[in-house]
PDB file of N, CA and C in Angstrom:
ATOM      1  N   MET A   1      23.695 -29.251  10.459  1.00  0.00           N
ATOM      2  CA  MET A   1      24.624 -28.211  10.070  1.00  0.00           C
ATOM      3  C   MET A   1      26.005 -28.485  10.676  1.00  0.00           C
ATOM      4  N   THR A   2      26.016 -29.030  11.887  1.00  0.00           N
ATOM      5  CA  THR A   2      27.290 -29.329  12.533  1.00  0.00           C
ATOM      6  C   THR A   2      28.047 -30.396  11.754  1.00  0.00           C
ATOM      7  N   GLU A   3      27.330 -31.431  11.333  1.00  0.00           N
ATOM      8  CA  GLU A   3      27.957 -32.515  10.580  1.00  0.00           C
ATOM      9  C   GLU A   3      28.521 -32.021   9.252  1.00  0.00           C
ATOM     10  N   LEU A   4      27.876 -31.053   8.650  1.00  0.00           N
ATOM     11  CA  LEU A   4      28.327 -30.516   7.366  1.00  0.00           C
ATOM     12  C   LEU A   4      29.419 -29.462   7.524  1.00  0.00           C
ATOM     13  N   GLY A   5      29.590 -28.962   8.734  1.00  0.00           N
ATOM     14  CA  GLY A   5      30.601 -27.937   8.976  1.00  0.00           C
ATOM     15  C   GLY A   5      30.119 -26.529   8.652  1.00  0.00           C
ATOM     16  N   ASN A   6      28.813 -26.345   8.640  1.00  0.00           N
ATOM     17  CA  ASN A   6      28.230 -25.034   8.331  1.00  0.00           C
ATOM     18  C   ASN A   6      27.583 -24.378   9.540  1.00  0.00           C
ATOM     19  N   GLN A   7      27.944 -24.773  10.705  1.00  0.00           N
ATOM     20  CA  GLN A   7      27.312 -24.273  11.922  1.00  0.00           C
ATOM     21  C   GLN A   7      27.367 -22.746  12.012  1.00  0.00           C
ATOM     22  N   GLU A   8      28.520 -22.156  11.681  1.00  0.00           N
ATOM     23  CA  GLU A   8      28.668 -20.696  11.815  1.00  0.00           C
ATOM     24  C   GLU A   8      27.906 -19.938  10.724  1.00  0.00           C
ATOM     25  N   LYS A   9      27.543 -20.605   9.632  1.00  0.00           N
ATOM     26  CA  LYS A   9      26.830 -19.943   8.537  1.00  0.00           C
ATOM     27  C   LYS A   9      25.319 -19.901   8.771  1.00  0.00           C
ATOM     28  N   GLN A  10      24.840 -20.754   9.661  1.00  0.00           N
ATOM     29  CA  GLN A  10      23.410 -20.810   9.937  1.00  0.00           C
ATOM     30  C   GLN A  10      23.011 -19.648  10.830  1.00  0.00           C
ATOM     31  N   GLU A  11      22.044 -18.862  10.367  1.00  0.00           N
ATOM     32  CA  GLU A  11      21.552 -17.737  11.166  1.00  0.00           C
ATOM     33  C   GLU A  11      20.315 -18.187  11.924  1.00  0.00           C
ATOM     34  N   VAL A  12      20.408 -18.137  13.218  1.00  0.00           N
ATOM     35  CA  VAL A  12      19.304 -18.561  14.057  1.00  0.00           C
ATOM     36  C   VAL A  12      18.956 -17.402  14.972  1.00  0.00           C
ATOM     37  N   GLY A  13      17.709 -17.054  15.028  1.00  0.00           N
ATOM     38  CA  GLY A  13      17.303 -15.976  15.903  1.00  0.00           C
ATOM     39  C   GLY A  13      15.820 -15.720  15.788  1.00  0.00           C
ATOM     40  N   ARG A  14      15.342 -14.852  16.649  1.00  0.00           N
ATOM     41  CA  ARG A  14      13.914 -14.617  16.714  1.00  0.00           C
ATOM     42  C   ARG A  14      13.379 -13.888  15.485  1.00  0.00           C
ATOM     43  N   TRP A  15      14.112 -12.860  15.005  1.00  0.00           N
ATOM     44  CA  TRP A  15      13.613 -12.052  13.904  1.00  0.00           C
ATOM     45  C   TRP A  15      14.478 -12.156  12.648  1.00  0.00           C
ATOM     46  N   VAL A  16      15.204 -13.236  12.491  1.00  0.00           N
ATOM     47  CA  VAL A  16      16.123 -13.384  11.360  1.00  0.00           C
ATOM     48  C   VAL A  16      15.354 -13.382  10.035  1.00  0.00           C
ATOM     49  N   ASN A  17      14.164 -13.948  10.028  1.00  0.00           N
ATOM     50  CA  ASN A  17      13.387 -14.088   8.798  1.00  0.00           C
ATOM     51  C   ASN A  17      12.565 -12.835   8.471  1.00  0.00           C
ATOM     52  N   ASN A  18      12.600 -11.815   9.303  1.00  0.00           N
ATOM     53  CA  ASN A  18      11.761 -10.648   9.090  1.00  0.00           C
ATOM     54  C   ASN A  18      12.017  -9.935   7.773  1.00  0.00           C
ATOM     55  N   GLN A  19      13.273  -9.844   7.355  1.00  0.00           N
ATOM     56  CA  GLN A  19      13.588  -9.137   6.121  1.00  0.00           C
ATOM     57  C   GLN A  19      12.876  -9.788   4.931  1.00  0.00           C
ATOM     58  N   VAL A  20      12.870 -11.092   4.893  1.00  0.00           N
ATOM     59  CA  VAL A  20      12.198 -11.809   3.811  1.00  0.00           C
ATOM     60  C   VAL A  20      10.697 -11.623   3.915  1.00  0.00           C
ATOM     61  N   GLU A  21      10.150 -11.749   5.095  1.00  0.00           N
ATOM     62  CA  GLU A  21       8.703 -11.613   5.272  1.00  0.00           C
ATOM     63  C   GLU A  21       8.235 -10.199   4.949  1.00  0.00           C
ATOM     64  N   ASN A  22       8.984  -9.194   5.359  1.00  0.00           N
ATOM     65  CA  ASN A  22       8.574  -7.814   5.121  1.00  0.00           C
ATOM     66  C   ASN A  22       8.608  -7.452   3.650  1.00  0.00           C
ATOM     67  N   SER A  23       9.422  -8.101   2.861  1.00  0.00           N
ATOM     68  CA  SER A  23       9.464  -7.797   1.433  1.00  0.00           C
ATOM     69  C   SER A  23       8.174  -8.231   0.736  1.00  0.00           C
ATOM     70  N   HIS A  24       7.402  -9.105   1.362  1.00  0.00           N
ATOM     71  CA  HIS A  24       6.155  -9.579   0.763  1.00  0.00           C
ATOM     72  C   HIS A  24       4.927  -8.837   1.279  1.00  0.00           C
ATOM     73  N   LEU A  25       5.099  -7.842   2.131  1.00  0.00           N
ATOM     74  CA  LEU A  25       3.947  -7.191   2.755  1.00  0.00           C
ATOM     75  C   LEU A  25       3.009  -6.551   1.751  1.00  0.00           C
ATOM     76  N   SER A  26       3.558  -5.854   0.750  1.00  0.00           N
ATOM     77  CA  SER A  26       2.681  -5.196  -0.222  1.00  0.00           C
ATOM     78  C   SER A  26       1.862  -6.229  -0.990  1.00  0.00           C
ATOM     79  N   PHE A  27       2.484  -7.339  -1.336  1.00  0.00           N
ATOM     80  CA  PHE A  27       1.780  -8.413  -2.030  1.00  0.00           C
ATOM     81  C   PHE A  27       0.682  -8.988  -1.135  1.00  0.00           C
ATOM     82  N   ARG A  28       1.008  -9.225   0.120  1.00  0.00           N
ATOM     83  CA  ARG A  28       0.023  -9.785   1.053  1.00  0.00           C
ATOM     84  C   ARG A  28      -1.153  -8.827   1.259  1.00  0.00           C
ATOM     85  N   ARG A  29      -0.874  -7.529   1.310  1.00  0.00           N
ATOM     86  CA  ARG A  29      -1.936  -6.533   1.479  1.00  0.00           C
ATOM     87  C   ARG A  29      -2.900  -6.585   0.292  1.00  0.00           C
ATOM     88  N   ARG A  30      -2.335  -6.658  -0.921  1.00  0.00           N
ATOM     89  CA  ARG A  30      -3.164  -6.752  -2.122  1.00  0.00           C
ATOM     90  C   ARG A  30      -3.970  -8.044  -2.122  1.00  0.00           C
ATOM     91  N   GLU A  31      -3.330  -9.127  -1.729  1.00  0.00           N
ATOM     92  CA  GLU A  31      -3.976 -10.432  -1.694  1.00  0.00           C
ATOM     93  C   GLU A  31      -5.155 -10.416  -0.727  1.00  0.00           C
ATOM     94  N   ARG A  32      -4.966  -9.798   0.442  1.00  0.00           N
ATOM     95  CA  ARG A  32      -6.020  -9.734   1.454  1.00  0.00           C
ATOM     96  C   ARG A  32      -7.209  -8.927   0.948  1.00  0.00           C
ATOM     97  N   SER A  33      -6.947  -7.812   0.267  1.00  0.00           N
ATOM     98  CA  SER A  33      -8.050  -6.982  -0.219  1.00  0.00           C
ATOM     99  C   SER A  33      -8.801  -7.678  -1.347  1.00  0.00           C
ATOM    100  N   MET A  34      -8.127  -8.522  -2.109  1.00  0.00           N
ATOM    101  CA  MET A  34      -8.782  -9.221  -3.207  1.00  0.00           C
ATOM    102  C   MET A  34      -9.744 -10.289  -2.702  1.00  0.00           C
ATOM    103  N   GLN A  35      -9.555 -10.773  -1.501  1.00  0.00           N
ATOM    104  CA  GLN A  35     -10.413 -11.825  -0.968  1.00  0.00           C
ATOM    105  C   GLN A  35     -11.843 -11.330  -0.721  1.00  0.00           C
ATOM    106  N   ARG A  36     -12.016 -10.018  -0.614  1.00  0.00           N
ATOM    107  CA  ARG A  36     -13.359  -9.478  -0.352  1.00  0.00           C
ATOM    108  C   ARG A  36     -14.267  -9.560  -1.569  1.00  0.00           C
ATOM    109  N   PHE A  37     -13.693  -9.716  -2.759  1.00  0.00           N
ATOM    110  CA  PHE A  37     -14.479  -9.714  -3.983  1.00  0.00           C
ATOM    111  C   PHE A  37     -14.731 -11.137  -4.442  1.00  0.00           C
ATOM    112  N   LYS A  38     -15.982 -11.400  -4.839  1.00  0.00           N
ATOM    113  CA  LYS A  38     -16.336 -12.740  -5.281  1.00  0.00           C
ATOM    114  C   LYS A  38     -15.888 -12.984  -6.726  1.00  0.00           C
ATOM    115  N   ARG A  39     -15.939 -11.925  -7.539  1.00  0.00           N
ATOM    116  CA  ARG A  39     -15.554 -12.078  -8.942  1.00  0.00           C
ATOM    117  C   ARG A  39     -14.413 -11.135  -9.287  1.00  0.00           C
ATOM    118  N   MET A  40     -13.553 -11.565 -10.173  1.00  0.00           N
ATOM    119  CA  MET A  40     -12.409 -10.763 -10.597  1.00  0.00           C
ATOM    120  C   MET A  40     -12.877  -9.493 -11.303  1.00  0.00           C
ATOM    121  N   LYS A  41     -13.985  -9.562 -12.038  1.00  0.00           N
ATOM    122  CA  LYS A  41     -14.486  -8.400 -12.770  1.00  0.00           C
ATOM    123  C   LYS A  41     -14.863  -7.269 -11.812  1.00  0.00           C
ATOM    124  N   SER A  42     -15.517  -7.617 -10.706  1.00  0.00           N
ATOM    125  CA  SER A  42     -15.901  -6.586  -9.734  1.00  0.00           C
ATOM    126  C   SER A  42     -14.664  -5.995  -9.056  1.00  0.00           C
ATOM    127  N   LEU A  43     -13.648  -6.808  -8.832  1.00  0.00           N
ATOM    128  CA  LEU A  43     -12.392  -6.312  -8.273  1.00  0.00           C
ATOM    129  C   LEU A  43     -11.733  -5.329  -9.228  1.00  0.00           C
ATOM    130  N   GLN A  44     -11.710  -5.665 -10.520  1.00  0.00           N
ATOM    131  CA  GLN A  44     -11.087  -4.785 -11.506  1.00  0.00           C
ATOM    132  C   GLN A  44     -11.829  -3.460 -11.613  1.00  0.00           C
ATOM    133  N   LYS A  45     -13.151  -3.512 -11.548  1.00  0.00           N
ATOM    134  CA  LYS A  45     -13.949  -2.282 -11.584  1.00  0.00           C
ATOM    135  C   LYS A  45     -13.619  -1.387 -10.395  1.00  0.00           C
ATOM    136  N   PHE A  46     -13.615  -1.989  -9.222  1.00  0.00           N
ATOM    137  CA  PHE A  46     -13.313  -1.231  -8.019  1.00  0.00           C
ATOM    138  C   PHE A  46     -11.905  -0.651  -8.069  1.00  0.00           C
ATOM    139  N   ALA A  47     -10.942  -1.451  -8.487  1.00  0.00           N
ATOM    140  CA  ALA A  47      -9.548  -1.015  -8.508  1.00  0.00           C
ATOM    141  C   ALA A  47      -9.339   0.153  -9.462  1.00  0.00           C
ATOM    142  N   SER A  48     -10.006   0.140 -10.610  1.00  0.00           N
ATOM    143  CA  SER A  48      -9.826   1.231 -11.569  1.00  0.00           C
ATOM    144  C   SER A  48     -10.387   2.540 -11.021  1.00  0.00           C
ATOM    145  N   VAL A  49     -11.541   2.486 -10.379  1.00  0.00           N
ATOM    146  CA  VAL A  49     -12.132   3.694  -9.796  1.00  0.00           C
ATOM    147  C   VAL A  49     -11.313   4.149  -8.596  1.00  0.00           C
ATOM    148  N   HIS A  50     -10.925   3.209  -7.755  1.00  0.00           N
ATOM    149  CA  HIS A  50     -10.164   3.547  -6.558  1.00  0.00           C
ATOM    150  C   HIS A  50      -8.841   4.218  -6.914  1.00  0.00           C
ATOM    151  N   ALA A  51      -8.169   3.743  -7.953  1.00  0.00           N
ATOM    152  CA  ALA A  51      -6.885   4.321  -8.358  1.00  0.00           C
ATOM    153  C   ALA A  51      -7.047   5.781  -8.754  1.00  0.00           C
ATOM    154  N   ASN A  52      -8.094   6.093  -9.505  1.00  0.00           N
ATOM    155  CA  ASN A  52      -8.321   7.481  -9.926  1.00  0.00           C
ATOM    156  C   ASN A  52      -8.616   8.387  -8.739  1.00  0.00           C
ATOM    157  N   VAL A  53      -9.453   7.939  -7.842  1.00  0.00           N
ATOM    158  CA  VAL A  53      -9.801   8.746  -6.673  1.00  0.00           C
ATOM    159  C   VAL A  53      -8.592   8.894  -5.751  1.00  0.00           C
ATOM    160  N   HIS A  54      -7.866   7.819  -5.547  1.00  0.00           N
ATOM    161  CA  HIS A  54      -6.693   7.861  -4.670  1.00  0.00           C
ATOM    162  C   HIS A  54      -5.646   8.833  -5.211  1.00  0.00           C
ATOM    163  N   ASN A  55      -5.392   8.796  -6.513  1.00  0.00           N
ATOM    164  CA  ASN A  55      -4.421   9.709  -7.110  1.00  0.00           C
ATOM    165  C   ASN A  55      -4.868  11.156  -6.991  1.00  0.00           C
ATOM    166  N   HIS A  56      -6.163  11.369  -7.021  1.00  0.00           N
ATOM    167  CA  HIS A  56      -6.694  12.726  -6.932  1.00  0.00           C
ATOM    168  C   HIS A  56      -6.497  13.315  -5.534  1.00  0.00           C
ATOM    169  N   PHE A  57      -6.675  12.487  -4.519  1.00  0.00           N
ATOM    170  CA  PHE A  57      -6.631  12.990  -3.152  1.00  0.00           C
ATOM    171  C   PHE A  57      -5.331  12.713  -2.410  1.00  0.00           C
ATOM    172  N   ASN A  58      -4.491  11.830  -2.915  1.00  0.00           N
ATOM    173  CA  ASN A  58      -3.239  11.511  -2.228  1.00  0.00           C
ATOM    174  C   ASN A  58      -2.206  12.597  -2.523  1.00  0.00           C
ATOM    175  N   LEU A  59      -1.901  13.405  -1.527  1.00  0.00           N
ATOM    176  CA  LEU A  59      -1.028  14.556  -1.743  1.00  0.00           C
ATOM    177  C   LEU A  59       0.330  14.411  -1.077  1.00  0.00           C
ATOM    178  N   GLU A  60       0.645  13.227  -0.572  1.00  0.00           N
ATOM    179  CA  GLU A  60       1.920  12.971   0.077  1.00  0.00           C
ATOM    180  C   GLU A  60       2.219  14.031   1.140  1.00  0.00           C
ATOM    181  N   ARG A  61       1.456  14.004   2.177  1.00  0.00           N
ATOM    182  CA  ARG A  61       1.477  14.998   3.243  1.00  0.00           C
ATOM    183  C   ARG A  61       2.875  15.222   3.814  1.00  0.00           C
ATOM    184  N   HIS A  62       3.676  14.192   3.881  1.00  0.00           N
ATOM    185  CA  HIS A  62       4.997  14.315   4.504  1.00  0.00           C
ATOM    186  C   HIS A  62       5.962  15.158   3.670  1.00  0.00           C
ATOM    187  N   LEU A  63       5.607  15.494   2.428  1.00  0.00           N
ATOM    188  CA  LEU A  63       6.519  16.244   1.569  1.00  0.00           C
ATOM    189  C   LEU A  63       6.207  17.737   1.492  1.00  0.00           C
ATOM    190  N   VAL A  64       5.068  18.167   2.010  1.00  0.00           N
ATOM    191  CA  VAL A  64       4.679  19.578   1.896  1.00  0.00           C
ATOM    192  C   VAL A  64       4.353  20.163   3.263  1.00  0.00           C
ATOM    193  N   ASP A  65       4.435  21.483   3.372  1.00  0.00           N
ATOM    194  CA  ASP A  65       4.086  22.120   4.646  1.00  0.00           C
ATOM    195  C   ASP A  65       2.570  22.193   4.804  1.00  0.00           C
ATOM    196  N   ARG A  66       2.125  22.551   5.975  1.00  0.00           N
ATOM    197  CA  ARG A  66       0.703  22.514   6.311  1.00  0.00           C
ATOM    198  C   ARG A  66      -0.143  23.426   5.429  1.00  0.00           C
ATOM    199  N   GLN A  67       0.319  24.650   5.206  1.00  0.00           N
ATOM    200  CA  GLN A  67      -0.472  25.610   4.433  1.00  0.00           C
ATOM    201  C   GLN A  67      -0.658  25.134   2.988  1.00  0.00           C
ATOM    202  N   THR A  68       0.405  24.644   2.388  1.00  0.00           N
ATOM    203  CA  THR A  68       0.314  24.138   1.014  1.00  0.00           C
ATOM    204  C   THR A  68      -0.608  22.925   0.954  1.00  0.00           C
ATOM    205  N   TYR A  69      -0.484  22.046   1.940  1.00  0.00           N
ATOM    206  CA  TYR A  69      -1.336  20.864   1.999  1.00  0.00           C
ATOM    207  C   TYR A  69      -2.808  21.250   2.083  1.00  0.00           C
ATOM    208  N   LYS A  70      -3.120  22.200   2.956  1.00  0.00           N
ATOM    209  CA  LYS A  70      -4.513  22.634   3.122  1.00  0.00           C
ATOM    210  C   LYS A  70      -5.044  23.269   1.839  1.00  0.00           C
ATOM    211  N   THR A  71      -4.209  24.037   1.157  1.00  0.00           N
ATOM    212  CA  THR A  71      -4.617  24.667  -0.094  1.00  0.00           C
ATOM    213  C   THR A  71      -4.927  23.607  -1.151  1.00  0.00           C
ATOM    214  N   HIS A  72      -4.047  22.630  -1.276  1.00  0.00           N
ATOM    215  CA  HIS A  72      -4.261  21.555  -2.257  1.00  0.00           C
ATOM    216  C   HIS A  72      -5.498  20.730  -1.915  1.00  0.00           C
ATOM    217  N   ARG A  73      -5.684  20.440  -0.629  1.00  0.00           N
ATOM    218  CA  ARG A  73      -6.861  19.654  -0.222  1.00  0.00           C
ATOM    219  C   ARG A  73      -8.148  20.409  -0.523  1.00  0.00           C
ATOM    220  N   SER A  74      -8.158  21.722  -0.257  1.00  0.00           N
ATOM    221  CA  SER A  74      -9.350  22.524  -0.537  1.00  0.00           C
ATOM    222  C   SER A  74      -9.656  22.536  -2.028  1.00  0.00           C
ATOM    223  N   ALA A  75      -8.614  22.674  -2.841  1.00  0.00           N
ATOM    224  CA  ALA A  75      -8.807  22.678  -4.296  1.00  0.00           C
ATOM    225  C   ALA A  75      -9.335  21.329  -4.779  1.00  0.00           C
ATOM    226  N   ALA A  76      -8.780  20.233  -4.262  1.00  0.00           N
ATOM    227  CA  ALA A  76      -9.221  18.897  -4.659  1.00  0.00           C
ATOM    228  C   ALA A  76     -10.670  18.658  -4.236  1.00  0.00           C
ATOM    229  N   LEU A  77     -11.009  19.074  -3.038  1.00  0.00           N
ATOM    230  CA  LEU A  77     -12.378  18.894  -2.554  1.00  0.00           C
ATOM    231  C   LEU A  77     -13.363  19.725  -3.365  1.00  0.00           C
ATOM    232  N   ALA A  78     -12.990  20.959  -3.698  1.00  0.00           N
ATOM    233  CA  ALA A  78     -13.861  21.812  -4.508  1.00  0.00           C
ATOM    234  C   ALA A  78     -14.080  21.191  -5.888  1.00  0.00           C
ATOM    235  N   GLU A  79     -13.019  20.661  -6.478  1.00  0.00           N
ATOM    236  CA  GLU A  79     -13.147  20.015  -7.788  1.00  0.00           C
ATOM    237  C   GLU A  79     -14.027  18.777  -7.693  1.00  0.00           C
ATOM    238  N   TRP A  80     -13.844  18.010  -6.644  1.00  0.00           N
ATOM    239  CA  TRP A  80     -14.655  16.804  -6.440  1.00  0.00           C
ATOM    240  C   TRP A  80     -16.135  17.160  -6.290  1.00  0.00           C
ATOM    241  N   GLN A  81     -16.414  18.202  -5.503  1.00  0.00           N
ATOM    242  CA  GLN A  81     -17.806  18.612  -5.310  1.00  0.00           C
ATOM    243  C   GLN A  81     -18.415  19.144  -6.599  1.00  0.00           C
ATOM    244  N   SER A  82     -17.626  19.837  -7.432  1.00  0.00           N
ATOM    245  CA  SER A  82     -18.153  20.332  -8.702  1.00  0.00           C
ATOM    246  C   SER A  82     -18.456  19.177  -9.641  1.00  0.00           C
ATOM    247  N   LEU A  83     -17.683  18.099  -9.563  1.00  0.00           N
ATOM    248  CA  LEU A  83     -17.944  16.927 -10.404  1.00  0.00           C
ATOM    249  C   LEU A  83     -19.200  16.181  -9.954  1.00  0.00           C
ATOM    250  N   MET A  84     -19.446  16.184  -8.649  1.00  0.00           N
ATOM    251  CA  MET A  84     -20.594  15.444  -8.109  1.00  0.00           C
ATOM    252  C   MET A  84     -21.899  16.215  -8.250  1.00  0.00           C
ATOM    253  N   ALA A  85     -21.821  17.518  -8.437  1.00  0.00           N
ATOM    254  CA  ALA A  85     -23.051  18.349  -8.529  1.00  0.00           C
ATOM    255  C   ALA A  85     -23.650  18.331  -9.903  1.00  0.00           C
TER     256      ALA A  85
END
């Protein structure tokens, strides 16, 4: 870099690459979970069921107050139990 005259443009540091690495975290998380399945078909089956259940119970707790959250959770659990019975 010194020979090319780009010494000041080179970013060197301990965590300089973190921004790039962190942008891939969601992809890496998905990749890691896919390794548990031997066949793609079983992964697709699991993912379709998991998405429906996750959407049913994921209430984004940080956006609502405690009382509303508890009310929604009770309603979701009651609906889930009625489906399983």
